[in-house]
Amino acid sequence: MRETEFWERMRTHLGPAYSQVWAGQHNLARLGGRTVDEALADGIDCKTIWRAVWEALELPARER
C-alpha cells in the first residue's frame, strides 16, 4: 500500500481534518504505542499501519 492510499483511507473513515489529528494523537498498541505519524516517521510499512488503524477503529472486514 502506498502512503497516498493510506491517507485516502484515513480521510474516508475519519474525515480530512480529524484524520490528521487522530494520526498525531492516538497511540496504537499494535504499533508499539506509536501514533500513525510516529510509525510513518520510523519507516513502518503503510499496510502494517493501516491494519493497526483498521483494528483500532473496528472497521468492517471489507476495509482491511
PDB file of N, CA and C in Angstrom:
ATOM      1  N   MET A   1       0.852  -1.176   0.000  1.00  0.00           N
ATOM      2  CA  MET A   1       0.000   0.000   0.000  1.00  0.00           C
ATOM      3  C   MET A   1       0.898   1.238   0.000  1.00  0.00           C
ATOM      4  N   ARG A   2       0.550   2.180  -0.833  1.00  0.00           N
ATOM      5  CA  ARG A   2       1.283   3.442  -0.875  1.00  0.00           C
ATOM      6  C   ARG A   2       0.738   4.393   0.184  1.00  0.00           C
ATOM      7  N   GLU A   3       1.564   5.339   0.554  1.00  0.00           N
ATOM      8  CA  GLU A   3       1.157   6.290   1.583  1.00  0.00           C
ATOM      9  C   GLU A   3      -0.046   7.122   1.137  1.00  0.00           C
ATOM     10  N   THR A   4      -0.127   7.423  -0.148  1.00  0.00           N
ATOM     11  CA  THR A   4      -1.281   8.184  -0.639  1.00  0.00           C
ATOM     12  C   THR A   4      -2.578   7.399  -0.446  1.00  0.00           C
ATOM     13  N   GLU A   5      -2.543   6.108  -0.695  1.00  0.00           N
ATOM     14  CA  GLU A   5      -3.726   5.269  -0.481  1.00  0.00           C
ATOM     15  C   GLU A   5      -4.059   5.197   1.008  1.00  0.00           C
ATOM     16  N   PHE A   6      -3.028   5.075   1.839  1.00  0.00           N
ATOM     17  CA  PHE A   6      -3.239   5.040   3.280  1.00  0.00           C
ATOM     18  C   PHE A   6      -4.001   6.285   3.741  1.00  0.00           C
ATOM     19  N   TRP A   7      -3.511   7.476   3.325  1.00  0.00           N
ATOM     20  CA  TRP A   7      -4.155   8.721   3.750  1.00  0.00           C
ATOM     21  C   TRP A   7      -5.552   8.869   3.161  1.00  0.00           C
ATOM     22  N   GLU A   8      -5.752   8.359   1.978  1.00  0.00           N
ATOM     23  CA  GLU A   8      -7.088   8.384   1.373  1.00  0.00           C
ATOM     24  C   GLU A   8      -8.064   7.576   2.236  1.00  0.00           C
ATOM     25  N   ARG A   9      -7.626   6.427   2.684  1.00  0.00           N
ATOM     26  CA  ARG A   9      -8.469   5.595   3.552  1.00  0.00           C
ATOM     27  C   ARG A   9      -8.724   6.283   4.890  1.00  0.00           C
ATOM     28  N   MET A  10      -7.704   6.903   5.431  1.00  0.00           N
ATOM     29  CA  MET A  10      -7.877   7.613   6.707  1.00  0.00           C
ATOM     30  C   MET A  10      -8.917   8.725   6.549  1.00  0.00           C
ATOM     31  N   ARG A  11      -8.814   9.513   5.480  1.00  0.00           N
ATOM     32  CA  ARG A  11      -9.769  10.602   5.246  1.00  0.00           C
ATOM     33  C   ARG A  11     -11.180  10.067   5.032  1.00  0.00           C
ATOM     34  N   THR A  12     -11.295   8.927   4.353  1.00  0.00           N
ATOM     35  CA  THR A  12     -12.604   8.331   4.118  1.00  0.00           C
ATOM     36  C   THR A  12     -13.295   7.977   5.426  1.00  0.00           C
ATOM     37  N   HIS A  13     -12.544   7.433   6.355  1.00  0.00           N
ATOM     38  CA  HIS A  13     -13.144   6.933   7.596  1.00  0.00           C
ATOM     39  C   HIS A  13     -13.195   7.959   8.722  1.00  0.00           C
ATOM     40  N   LEU A  14     -12.304   8.930   8.704  1.00  0.00           N
ATOM     41  CA  LEU A  14     -12.253   9.897   9.807  1.00  0.00           C
ATOM     42  C   LEU A  14     -12.493  11.339   9.380  1.00  0.00           C
ATOM     43  N   GLY A  15     -12.531  11.573   8.089  1.00  0.00           N
ATOM     44  CA  GLY A  15     -12.679  12.945   7.601  1.00  0.00           C
ATOM     45  C   GLY A  15     -11.318  13.581   7.418  1.00  0.00           C
ATOM     46  N   PRO A  16     -11.256  14.605   6.566  1.00  0.00           N
ATOM     47  CA  PRO A  16      -9.961  15.204   6.236  1.00  0.00           C
ATOM     48  C   PRO A  16      -9.237  15.845   7.414  1.00  0.00           C
ATOM     49  N   ALA A  17      -9.938  16.553   8.252  1.00  0.00           N
ATOM     50  CA  ALA A  17      -9.279  17.239   9.372  1.00  0.00           C
ATOM     51  C   ALA A  17      -9.001  16.279  10.528  1.00  0.00           C
ATOM     52  N   TYR A  18     -10.002  15.508  10.915  1.00  0.00           N
ATOM     53  CA  TYR A  18      -9.835  14.634  12.083  1.00  0.00           C
ATOM     54  C   TYR A  18      -8.820  13.526  11.829  1.00  0.00           C
ATOM     55  N   SER A  19      -8.689  13.076  10.595  1.00  0.00           N
ATOM     56  CA  SER A  19      -7.706  12.018  10.312  1.00  0.00           C
ATOM     57  C   SER A  19      -6.297  12.482  10.673  1.00  0.00           C
ATOM     58  N   GLN A  20      -5.994  13.755  10.428  1.00  0.00           N
ATOM     59  CA  GLN A  20      -4.676  14.296  10.762  1.00  0.00           C
ATOM     60  C   GLN A  20      -4.478  14.388  12.275  1.00  0.00           C
ATOM     61  N   VAL A  21      -5.509  14.819  12.970  1.00  0.00           N
ATOM     62  CA  VAL A  21      -5.448  14.912  14.431  1.00  0.00           C
ATOM     63  C   VAL A  21      -5.296  13.525  15.032  1.00  0.00           C
ATOM     64  N   TRP A  22      -6.126  12.604  14.587  1.00  0.00           N
ATOM     65  CA  TRP A  22      -6.114  11.234  15.102  1.00  0.00           C
ATOM     66  C   TRP A  22      -4.742  10.595  14.875  1.00  0.00           C
ATOM     67  N   ALA A  23      -4.184  10.798  13.687  1.00  0.00           N
ATOM     68  CA  ALA A  23      -2.882  10.213  13.340  1.00  0.00           C
ATOM     69  C   ALA A  23      -1.762  10.726  14.233  1.00  0.00           C
ATOM     70  N   GLY A  24      -1.906  11.929  14.726  1.00  0.00           N
ATOM     71  CA  GLY A  24      -0.863  12.509  15.561  1.00  0.00           C
ATOM     72  C   GLY A  24      -1.046  12.294  17.045  1.00  0.00           C
ATOM     73  N   GLN A  25      -2.244  11.869  17.458  1.00  0.00           N
ATOM     74  CA  GLN A  25      -2.520  11.791  18.898  1.00  0.00           C
ATOM     75  C   GLN A  25      -2.901  10.418  19.422  1.00  0.00           C
ATOM     76  N   HIS A  26      -3.358   9.528  18.555  1.00  0.00           N
ATOM     77  CA  HIS A  26      -3.851   8.227  19.018  1.00  0.00           C
ATOM     78  C   HIS A  26      -2.720   7.194  19.012  1.00  0.00           C
ATOM     79  N   ASN A  27      -2.362   6.701  20.188  1.00  0.00           N
ATOM     80  CA  ASN A  27      -1.325   5.678  20.292  1.00  0.00           C
ATOM     81  C   ASN A  27      -1.933   4.310  20.032  1.00  0.00           C
ATOM     82  N   LEU A  28      -1.258   3.533  19.203  1.00  0.00           N
ATOM     83  CA  LEU A  28      -1.753   2.217  18.826  1.00  0.00           C
ATOM     84  C   LEU A  28      -0.857   1.127  19.406  1.00  0.00           C
ATOM     85  N   ALA A  29      -1.447   0.286  20.226  1.00  0.00           N
ATOM     86  CA  ALA A  29      -0.686  -0.799  20.861  1.00  0.00           C
ATOM     87  C   ALA A  29      -0.030  -1.688  19.819  1.00  0.00           C
ATOM     88  N   ARG A  30      -0.736  -1.938  18.736  1.00  0.00           N
ATOM     89  CA  ARG A  30      -0.206  -2.815  17.695  1.00  0.00           C
ATOM     90  C   ARG A  30       1.033  -2.229  17.007  1.00  0.00           C
ATOM     91  N   LEU A  31       1.247  -0.943  17.204  1.00  0.00           N
ATOM     92  CA  LEU A  31       2.436  -0.285  16.643  1.00  0.00           C
ATOM     93  C   LEU A  31       3.447   0.039  17.740  1.00  0.00           C
ATOM     94  N   GLY A  32       3.373  -0.686  18.833  1.00  0.00           N
ATOM     95  CA  GLY A  32       4.312  -0.469  19.929  1.00  0.00           C
ATOM     96  C   GLY A  32       4.066   0.829  20.673  1.00  0.00           C
ATOM     97  N   GLY A  33       2.808   1.270  20.683  1.00  0.00           N
ATOM     98  CA  GLY A  33       2.460   2.505  21.375  1.00  0.00           C
ATOM     99  C   GLY A  33       2.714   3.758  20.561  1.00  0.00           C
ATOM    100  N   ARG A  34       3.096   3.595  19.311  1.00  0.00           N
ATOM    101  CA  ARG A  34       3.339   4.747  18.434  1.00  0.00           C
ATOM    102  C   ARG A  34       2.025   5.297  17.894  1.00  0.00           C
ATOM    103  N   THR A  35       2.072   6.557  17.520  1.00  0.00           N
ATOM    104  CA  THR A  35       0.987   7.138  16.743  1.00  0.00           C
ATOM    105  C   THR A  35       1.230   6.784  15.275  1.00  0.00           C
ATOM    106  N   VAL A  36       0.250   7.039  14.434  1.00  0.00           N
ATOM    107  CA  VAL A  36       0.424   6.835  12.995  1.00  0.00           C
ATOM    108  C   VAL A  36       1.589   7.684  12.484  1.00  0.00           C
ATOM    109  N   ASP A  37       1.628   8.934  12.892  1.00  0.00           N
ATOM    110  CA  ASP A  37       2.707   9.821  12.447  1.00  0.00           C
ATOM    111  C   ASP A  37       4.081   9.291  12.850  1.00  0.00           C
ATOM    112  N   GLU A  38       4.191   8.807  14.078  1.00  0.00           N
ATOM    113  CA  GLU A  38       5.468   8.259  14.549  1.00  0.00           C
ATOM    114  C   GLU A  38       5.839   7.002  13.777  1.00  0.00           C
ATOM    115  N   ALA A  39       4.856   6.147  13.538  1.00  0.00           N
ATOM    116  CA  ALA A  39       5.114   4.907  12.803  1.00  0.00           C
ATOM    117  C   ALA A  39       5.578   5.209  11.380  1.00  0.00           C
ATOM    118  N   LEU A  40       4.945   6.167  10.738  1.00  0.00           N
ATOM    119  CA  LEU A  40       5.374   6.548   9.392  1.00  0.00           C
ATOM    120  C   LEU A  40       6.797   7.100   9.416  1.00  0.00           C
ATOM    121  N   ALA A  41       7.096   7.941  10.397  1.00  0.00           N
ATOM    122  CA  ALA A  41       8.435   8.521  10.521  1.00  0.00           C
ATOM    123  C   ALA A  41       9.492   7.444  10.796  1.00  0.00           C
ATOM    124  N   ASP A  42       9.076   6.387  11.480  1.00  0.00           N
ATOM    125  CA  ASP A  42      10.000   5.287  11.790  1.00  0.00           C
ATOM    126  C   ASP A  42      10.139   4.299  10.638  1.00  0.00           C
ATOM    127  N   GLY A  43       9.419   4.555   9.549  1.00  0.00           N
ATOM    128  CA  GLY A  43       9.556   3.706   8.362  1.00  0.00           C
ATOM    129  C   GLY A  43       8.735   2.435   8.378  1.00  0.00           C
ATOM    130  N   ILE A  44       7.751   2.363   9.239  1.00  0.00           N
ATOM    131  CA  ILE A  44       6.886   1.181   9.276  1.00  0.00           C
ATOM    132  C   ILE A  44       6.013   1.190   8.024  1.00  0.00           C
ATOM    133  N   ASP A  45       5.849   0.033   7.432  1.00  0.00           N
ATOM    134  CA  ASP A  45       5.079  -0.140   6.213  1.00  0.00           C
ATOM    135  C   ASP A  45       3.643   0.353   6.384  1.00  0.00           C
ATOM    136  N   CYS A  46       3.143   1.060   5.389  1.00  0.00           N
ATOM    137  CA  CYS A  46       1.785   1.626   5.455  1.00  0.00           C
ATOM    138  C   CYS A  46       0.722   0.554   5.634  1.00  0.00           C
ATOM    139  N   LYS A  47       0.932  -0.612   5.050  1.00  0.00           N
ATOM    140  CA  LYS A  47      -0.048  -1.695   5.195  1.00  0.00           C
ATOM    141  C   LYS A  47      -0.119  -2.153   6.650  1.00  0.00           C
ATOM    142  N   THR A  48       1.001  -2.241   7.316  1.00  0.00           N
ATOM    143  CA  THR A  48       1.046  -2.609   8.727  1.00  0.00           C
ATOM    144  C   THR A  48       0.342  -1.558   9.574  1.00  0.00           C
ATOM    145  N   ILE A  49       0.594  -0.296   9.255  1.00  0.00           N
ATOM    146  CA  ILE A  49      -0.052   0.791   9.988  1.00  0.00           C
ATOM    147  C   ILE A  49      -1.558   0.761   9.746  1.00  0.00           C
ATOM    148  N   TRP A  50      -1.961   0.552   8.479  1.00  0.00           N
ATOM    149  CA  TRP A  50      -3.392   0.508   8.190  1.00  0.00           C
ATOM    150  C   TRP A  50      -4.081  -0.610   8.970  1.00  0.00           C
ATOM    151  N   ARG A  51      -3.447  -1.757   9.048  1.00  0.00           N
ATOM    152  CA  ARG A  51      -4.059  -2.867   9.799  1.00  0.00           C
ATOM    153  C   ARG A  51      -4.251  -2.501  11.267  1.00  0.00           C
ATOM    154  N   ALA A  52      -3.320  -1.770  11.829  1.00  0.00           N
ATOM    155  CA  ALA A  52      -3.446  -1.327  13.217  1.00  0.00           C
ATOM    156  C   ALA A  52      -4.584  -0.315  13.351  1.00  0.00           C
ATOM    157  N   VAL A  53      -4.699   0.595  12.392  1.00  0.00           N
ATOM    158  CA  VAL A  53      -5.784   1.580  12.392  1.00  0.00           C
ATOM    159  C   VAL A  53      -7.119   0.863  12.216  1.00  0.00           C
ATOM    160  N   TRP A  54      -7.179  -0.039  11.259  1.00  0.00           N
ATOM    161  CA  TRP A  54      -8.384  -0.819  10.972  1.00  0.00           C
ATOM    162  C   TRP A  54      -8.881  -1.515  12.236  1.00  0.00           C
ATOM    163  N   GLU A  55      -7.950  -2.122  12.951  1.00  0.00           N
ATOM    164  CA  GLU A  55      -8.298  -2.821  14.182  1.00  0.00           C
ATOM    165  C   GLU A  55      -8.783  -1.838  15.257  1.00  0.00           C
ATOM    166  N   ALA A  56      -8.078  -0.744  15.421  1.00  0.00           N
ATOM    167  CA  ALA A  56      -8.437   0.244  16.455  1.00  0.00           C
ATOM    168  C   ALA A  56      -9.800   0.876  16.193  1.00  0.00           C
ATOM    169  N   LEU A  57     -10.121   1.106  14.931  1.00  0.00           N
ATOM    170  CA  LEU A  57     -11.398   1.723  14.569  1.00  0.00           C
ATOM    171  C   LEU A  57     -12.534   0.707  14.439  1.00  0.00           C
ATOM    172  N   GLU A  58     -12.174  -0.562  14.543  1.00  0.00           N
ATOM    173  CA  GLU A  58     -13.155  -1.657  14.423  1.00  0.00           C
ATOM    174  C   GLU A  58     -13.947  -1.539  13.123  1.00  0.00           C
ATOM    175  N   LEU A  59     -13.204  -1.372  12.035  1.00  0.00           N
ATOM    176  CA  LEU A  59     -13.824  -1.251  10.715  1.00  0.00           C
ATOM    177  C   LEU A  59     -14.225  -2.627  10.206  1.00  0.00           C
ATOM    178  N   PRO A  60     -15.157  -2.682   9.253  1.00  0.00           N
ATOM    179  CA  PRO A  60     -15.590  -3.957   8.702  1.00  0.00           C
ATOM    180  C   PRO A  60     -14.456  -4.665   7.955  1.00  0.00           C
ATOM    181  N   ALA A  61     -14.562  -5.982   7.881  1.00  0.00           N
ATOM    182  CA  ALA A  61     -13.515  -6.796   7.247  1.00  0.00           C
ATOM    183  C   ALA A  61     -13.228  -6.362   5.817  1.00  0.00           C
ATOM    184  N   ARG A  62     -14.229  -5.887   5.099  1.00  0.00           N
ATOM    185  CA  ARG A  62     -14.016  -5.488   3.699  1.00  0.00           C
ATOM    186  C   ARG A  62     -13.083  -4.297   3.567  1.00  0.00           C
ATOM    187  N   GLU A  63     -12.867  -3.562   4.650  1.00  0.00           N
ATOM    188  CA  GLU A  63     -11.994  -2.390   4.637  1.00  0.00           C
ATOM    189  C   GLU A  63     -10.535  -2.732   4.955  1.00  0.00           C
ATOM    190  N   ARG A  64     -10.286  -3.962   5.281  1.00  0.00           N
ATOM    191  CA  ARG A  64      -8.941  -4.368   5.651  1.00  0.00           C
ATOM    192  C   ARG A  64      -8.039  -4.280   4.466  1.00  0.00           C
TER     193      ARG A  64
END
